[in-house]
C-alpha atoms as a PDB file:
ATOM      1  CA  MET A   1     -34.797 -20.872 -25.750  1.00  0.00           C
ATOM      2  CA  GLN A   2     -33.189 -18.803 -23.040  1.00  0.00           C
ATOM      3  CA  ASN A   3     -31.114 -16.936 -25.634  1.00  0.00           C
ATOM      4  CA  MET A   4     -34.183 -16.020 -27.616  1.00  0.00           C
ATOM      5  CA  PHE A   5     -35.810 -14.148 -24.731  1.00  0.00           C
ATOM      6  CA  SER A   6     -32.674 -12.883 -23.085  1.00  0.00           C
ATOM      7  CA  PHE A   7     -33.284  -9.418 -24.534  1.00  0.00           C
ATOM      8  CA  LEU A   8     -36.327  -9.155 -22.241  1.00  0.00           C
ATOM      9  CA  LEU A   9     -34.338  -9.965 -19.130  1.00  0.00           C
ATOM     10  CA  ASN A  10     -31.350  -7.686 -19.734  1.00  0.00           C
ATOM     11  CA  ALA A  11     -31.207  -4.781 -17.316  1.00  0.00           C
ATOM     12  CA  ASP A  12     -28.901  -2.742 -19.521  1.00  0.00           C
ATOM     13  CA  ALA A  13     -30.687   0.438 -20.669  1.00  0.00           C
ATOM     14  CA  GLY A  14     -29.273   0.356 -24.203  1.00  0.00           C
ATOM     15  CA  THR A  15     -30.405  -3.153 -24.946  1.00  0.00           C
ATOM     16  CA  GLN A  16     -33.712  -2.645 -23.137  1.00  0.00           C
ATOM     17  CA  GLY A  17     -34.672   0.113 -25.591  1.00  0.00           C
ATOM     18  CA  ASN A  18     -33.832  -2.149 -28.504  1.00  0.00           C
ATOM     19  CA  SER A  19     -35.846  -4.995 -27.017  1.00  0.00           C
ATOM     20  CA  TRP A  20     -38.967  -2.840 -26.723  1.00  0.00           C
ATOM     21  CA  MET A  21     -38.471  -1.674 -30.271  1.00  0.00           C
ATOM     22  CA  THR A  22     -38.233  -5.293 -31.395  1.00  0.00           C
ATOM     23  CA  ILE A  23     -41.464  -6.182 -29.592  1.00  0.00           C
ATOM     24  CA  VAL A  24     -43.261  -3.180 -31.120  1.00  0.00           C
ATOM     25  CA  MET A  25     -42.052  -4.145 -34.599  1.00  0.00           C
ATOM     26  CA  LEU A  26     -43.260  -7.739 -34.155  1.00  0.00           C
ATOM     27  CA  ILE A  27     -46.678  -6.515 -33.022  1.00  0.00           C
ATOM     28  CA  LEU A  28     -46.799  -4.119 -35.976  1.00  0.00           C
ATOM     29  CA  VAL A  29     -46.021  -6.955 -38.416  1.00  0.00           C
ATOM     30  CA  VAL A  30     -48.801  -9.103 -36.920  1.00  0.00           C
ATOM     31  CA  VAL A  31     -51.290  -6.211 -37.211  1.00  0.00           C
ATOM     32  CA  VAL A  32     -50.319  -5.559 -40.839  1.00  0.00           C
ATOM     33  CA  PHE A  33     -50.695  -9.259 -41.690  1.00  0.00           C
ATOM     34  CA  TYR A  34     -54.118  -9.294 -40.046  1.00  0.00           C
ATOM     35  CA  PHE A  35     -55.481  -6.283 -41.923  1.00  0.00           C
ATOM     36  CA  PHE A  36     -53.979  -7.082 -45.323  1.00  0.00           C
ATOM     37  CA  LEU A  37     -54.152 -10.889 -45.450  1.00  0.00           C
ATOM     38  CA  ILE A  38     -56.296 -12.561 -42.814  1.00  0.00           C
ATOM     39  CA  ARG A  39     -59.250 -10.150 -42.603  1.00  0.00           C
ATOM     40  CA  PRO A  40     -59.924  -9.899 -46.389  1.00  0.00           C
ATOM     41  CA  GLN A  41     -59.654 -13.684 -46.744  1.00  0.00           C
ATOM     42  CA  LYS A  42     -62.200 -14.257 -43.961  1.00  0.00           C
ATOM     43  CA  LYS A  43     -64.530 -11.699 -45.554  1.00  0.00           C
ATOM     44  CA  GLN A  44     -64.253 -13.450 -48.923  1.00  0.00           C
ATOM     45  CA  GLU A  45     -64.928 -16.860 -47.330  1.00  0.00           C
ATOM     46  CA  LYS A  46     -68.007 -15.463 -45.555  1.00  0.00           C
ATOM     47  CA  GLU A  47     -69.383 -14.025 -48.830  1.00  0.00           C
ATOM     48  CA  ALA A  48     -68.826 -17.349 -50.610  1.00  0.00           C
ATOM     49  CA  ALA A  49     -70.587 -19.243 -47.807  1.00  0.00           C
ATOM     50  CA  ASN A  50     -73.551 -16.830 -47.957  1.00  0.00           C
ATOM     51  CA  MET A  51     -73.744 -17.251 -51.739  1.00  0.00           C
ATOM     52  CA  ARG A  52     -73.722 -21.050 -51.450  1.00  0.00           C
ATOM     53  CA  ASN A  53     -76.313 -21.076 -48.668  1.00  0.00           C
ATOM     54  CA  SER A  54     -78.649 -18.829 -50.671  1.00  0.00           C
ATOM     55  CA  LEU A  55     -78.770 -21.119 -53.724  1.00  0.00           C
ATOM     56  CA  GLU A  56     -82.305 -21.620 -54.993  1.00  0.00           C
ATOM     57  CA  VAL A  57     -83.962 -23.706 -57.675  1.00  0.00           C
ATOM     58  CA  GLY A  58     -83.703 -21.812 -60.964  1.00  0.00           C
ATOM     59  CA  ASP A  59     -80.346 -20.115 -60.295  1.00  0.00           C
ATOM     60  CA  GLU A  60     -77.802 -20.336 -63.096  1.00  0.00           C
ATOM     61  CA  ILE A  61     -74.374 -21.219 -61.714  1.00  0.00           C
ATOM     62  CA  VAL A  62     -70.789 -21.918 -62.724  1.00  0.00           C
ATOM     63  CA  THR A  63     -68.906 -24.657 -60.876  1.00  0.00           C
ATOM     64  CA  ILE A  64     -65.240 -24.640 -59.974  1.00  0.00           C
ATOM     65  CA  GLY A  65     -64.656 -27.043 -62.880  1.00  0.00           C
ATOM     66  CA  GLY A  66     -66.296 -24.613 -65.317  1.00  0.00           C
ATOM     67  CA  ILE A  67     -69.602 -26.438 -65.774  1.00  0.00           C
ATOM     68  CA  VAL A  68     -72.498 -24.051 -66.403  1.00  0.00           C
ATOM     69  CA  GLY A  69     -76.001 -25.114 -65.484  1.00  0.00           C
ATOM     70  CA  GLN A  70     -79.294 -24.351 -63.815  1.00  0.00           C
ATOM     71  CA  VAL A  71     -80.109 -25.551 -60.284  1.00  0.00           C
ATOM     72  CA  VAL A  72     -83.057 -27.959 -60.209  1.00  0.00           C
ATOM     73  CA  ASN A  73     -82.707 -29.367 -56.676  1.00  0.00           C
ATOM     74  CA  VAL A  74     -81.127 -28.190 -53.428  1.00  0.00           C
ATOM     75  CA  LYS A  75     -80.829 -30.807 -50.708  1.00  0.00           C
ATOM     76  CA  GLY A  76     -78.577 -30.449 -47.670  1.00  0.00           C
ATOM     77  CA  GLU A  77     -75.002 -29.931 -48.798  1.00  0.00           C
ATOM     78  CA  THR A  78     -75.646 -31.027 -52.400  1.00  0.00           C
ATOM     79  CA  ILE A  79     -77.290 -29.463 -55.424  1.00  0.00           C
ATOM     80  CA  THR A  80     -78.437 -30.943 -58.716  1.00  0.00           C
ATOM     81  CA  ILE A  81     -77.963 -28.928 -61.889  1.00  0.00           C
ATOM     82  CA  VAL A  82     -79.206 -29.392 -65.433  1.00  0.00           C
ATOM     83  CA  THR A  83     -76.868 -28.569 -68.273  1.00  0.00           C
ATOM     84  CA  GLY A  84     -76.860 -28.859 -72.049  1.00  0.00           C
ATOM     85  CA  LYS A  85     -79.562 -29.383 -74.652  1.00  0.00           C
ATOM     86  CA  ASP A  86     -80.221 -32.961 -73.602  1.00  0.00           C
ATOM     87  CA  ARG A  87     -80.904 -31.791 -70.014  1.00  0.00           C
ATOM     88  CA  VAL A  88     -78.202 -33.876 -68.310  1.00  0.00           C
ATOM     89  CA  LYS A  89     -78.553 -33.798 -64.506  1.00  0.00           C
ATOM     90  CA  ILE A  90     -75.363 -33.626 -62.438  1.00  0.00           C
ATOM     91  CA  ARG A  91     -75.123 -33.619 -58.637  1.00  0.00           C
ATOM     92  CA  PHE A  92     -72.497 -31.452 -56.899  1.00  0.00           C
ATOM     93  CA  LEU A  93     -71.511 -30.399 -53.424  1.00  0.00           C
ATOM     94  CA  LYS A  94     -72.409 -26.781 -52.683  1.00  0.00           C
ATOM     95  CA  THR A  95     -68.721 -26.071 -52.131  1.00  0.00           C
ATOM     96  CA  ALA A  96     -68.113 -26.782 -55.850  1.00  0.00           C
ATOM     97  CA  VAL A  97     -70.082 -23.676 -56.865  1.00  0.00           C
ATOM     98  CA  ARG A  98     -67.832 -20.803 -57.933  1.00  0.00           C
ATOM     99  CA  GLU A  99     -70.458 -18.168 -58.736  1.00  0.00           C
ATOM    100  CA  VAL A 100     -74.118 -17.563 -59.396  1.00  0.00           C
ATOM    101  CA  THR A 101     -74.458 -15.897 -62.795  1.00  0.00           C
ATOM    102  CA  VAL A 102     -78.223 -15.307 -62.766  1.00  0.00           C
ATOM    103  CA  LYS A 103     -80.481 -15.526 -59.713  1.00  0.00           C
ATOM    104  CA  ALA A 104     -83.898 -17.185 -60.137  1.00  0.00           C
ATOM    105  CA  ASN A 105     -85.767 -14.105 -58.894  1.00  0.00           C
ATOM    106  CA  GLN A 106     -83.907 -11.912 -61.419  1.00  0.00           C
ATOM    107  CA  LEU A 107     -85.305 -14.039 -64.235  1.00  0.00           C
ATOM    108  CA  ASP A 108     -88.840 -13.474 -62.920  1.00  0.00           C
ATOM    109  CA  GLU A 109     -88.304  -9.700 -62.682  1.00  0.00           C
ATOM    110  CA  ASP A 110     -86.881  -9.533 -66.214  1.00  0.00           C
ATOM    111  CA  GLU A 111     -89.930 -11.344 -67.600  1.00  0.00           C
ATOM    112  CA  LYS A 112     -92.315  -8.997 -65.738  1.00  0.00           C
ATOM    113  CA  ALA A 113     -90.533  -5.807 -66.790  1.00  0.00           C
ATOM    114  CA  PRO A 114     -92.099  -4.139 -69.840  1.00  0.00           C
ATOM    115  CA  ALA A 115     -90.032  -3.928 -72.968  1.00  0.00           C
ATOM    116  CA  SER A 116     -88.390  -0.571 -73.500  1.00  0.00           C
ATOM    117  CA  PRO A 117     -89.879   1.481 -76.350  1.00  0.00           C
ATOM    118  CA  THR A 118     -86.818   1.652 -78.580  1.00  0.00           C
ATOM    119  CA  ILE A 119     -88.834   1.593 -81.811  1.00  0.00           C
ATOM    120  CA  GLU A 120     -90.950   4.684 -81.070  1.00  0.00           C
ATOM    121  CA  PRO A 121     -88.159   7.299 -81.167  1.00  0.00           C
ATOM    122  CA  ALA A 122     -86.901   5.847 -84.447  1.00  0.00           C
ATOM    123  CA  LYS A 123     -90.367   6.304 -85.996  1.00  0.00           C
ATOM    124  CA  GLU A 124     -90.543   9.887 -84.782  1.00  0.00           C
ATOM    125  CA  LYS A 125     -87.219  10.680 -86.416  1.00  0.00           C
ATOM    126  CA  LYS A 126     -88.387   9.180 -89.693  1.00  0.00           C
ATOM    127  CA  ASP A 127     -91.627  11.182 -89.500  1.00  0.00           C
ATOM    128  CA  ASP A 128     -89.643  14.388 -88.914  1.00  0.00           C
ATOM    129  CA  ALA A 129     -87.414  13.557 -91.866  1.00  0.00           C
ATOM    130  CA  LYS A 130     -90.447  13.009 -94.098  1.00  0.00           C
ATOM    131  CA  GLU A 131     -92.083  16.256 -92.994  1.00  0.00           C
ATOM    132  CA  ALA A 132     -89.006  18.388 -93.582  1.00  0.00           C
ATOM    133  CA  PRO A 133     -88.726  17.731 -97.358  1.00  0.00           C
ATOM    134  CA  ALA A 134     -92.450  18.235 -97.738  1.00  0.00           C
ATOM    135  CA  ALA A 135     -92.196  21.590 -96.012  1.00  0.00           C
ATOM    136  CA  GLU A 136     -89.288  22.575 -98.243  1.00  0.00           C
ATOM    137  CA  ALA A 137     -91.257  21.500-101.311  1.00  0.00           C
ATOM    138  CA  THR A 138     -94.223  23.664-100.315  1.00  0.00           C
ATOM    139  CA  GLU A 139     -91.930  26.646 -99.793  1.00  0.00           C
ATOM    140  CA  GLU A 140     -90.372  26.130-103.223  1.00  0.00           C
ATOM    141  CA  THR A 141     -93.800  26.013-104.899  1.00  0.00           C
ATOM    142  CA  LYS A 142     -94.787  29.276-103.195  1.00  0.00           C
ATOM    143  CA  GLU A 143     -91.850  31.104-104.756  1.00  0.00           C
END
């Protein structure tokens, strides 16, 4: 143990410069590890915890095991999902949820949103196409 920290106790100027450089490099390595490994991992864990705490009845989720279902009950640290045509109910811990694919309030907004008028422009184009030959026919009869 004494040999490991002997570079701090040496009074020699040449080795003292090297010892400070070693300390600076160790601090730099710790800072790099913090910003590139520890901080992003903590941020990801916080986002996952927020997602799991905001689960609501009606959300469509995917579990860690790959089971897809809709949340029908949220109670404490567990959730109950319904999956399949026969409406099988399965109970999971919230920590088993990988992602929320569709939020319950998004489903409500999609149902309330009016359908986009994709048919109307197609009709207008057909009407223009019908009018153009008729106009050409009238010009030909004039000649």
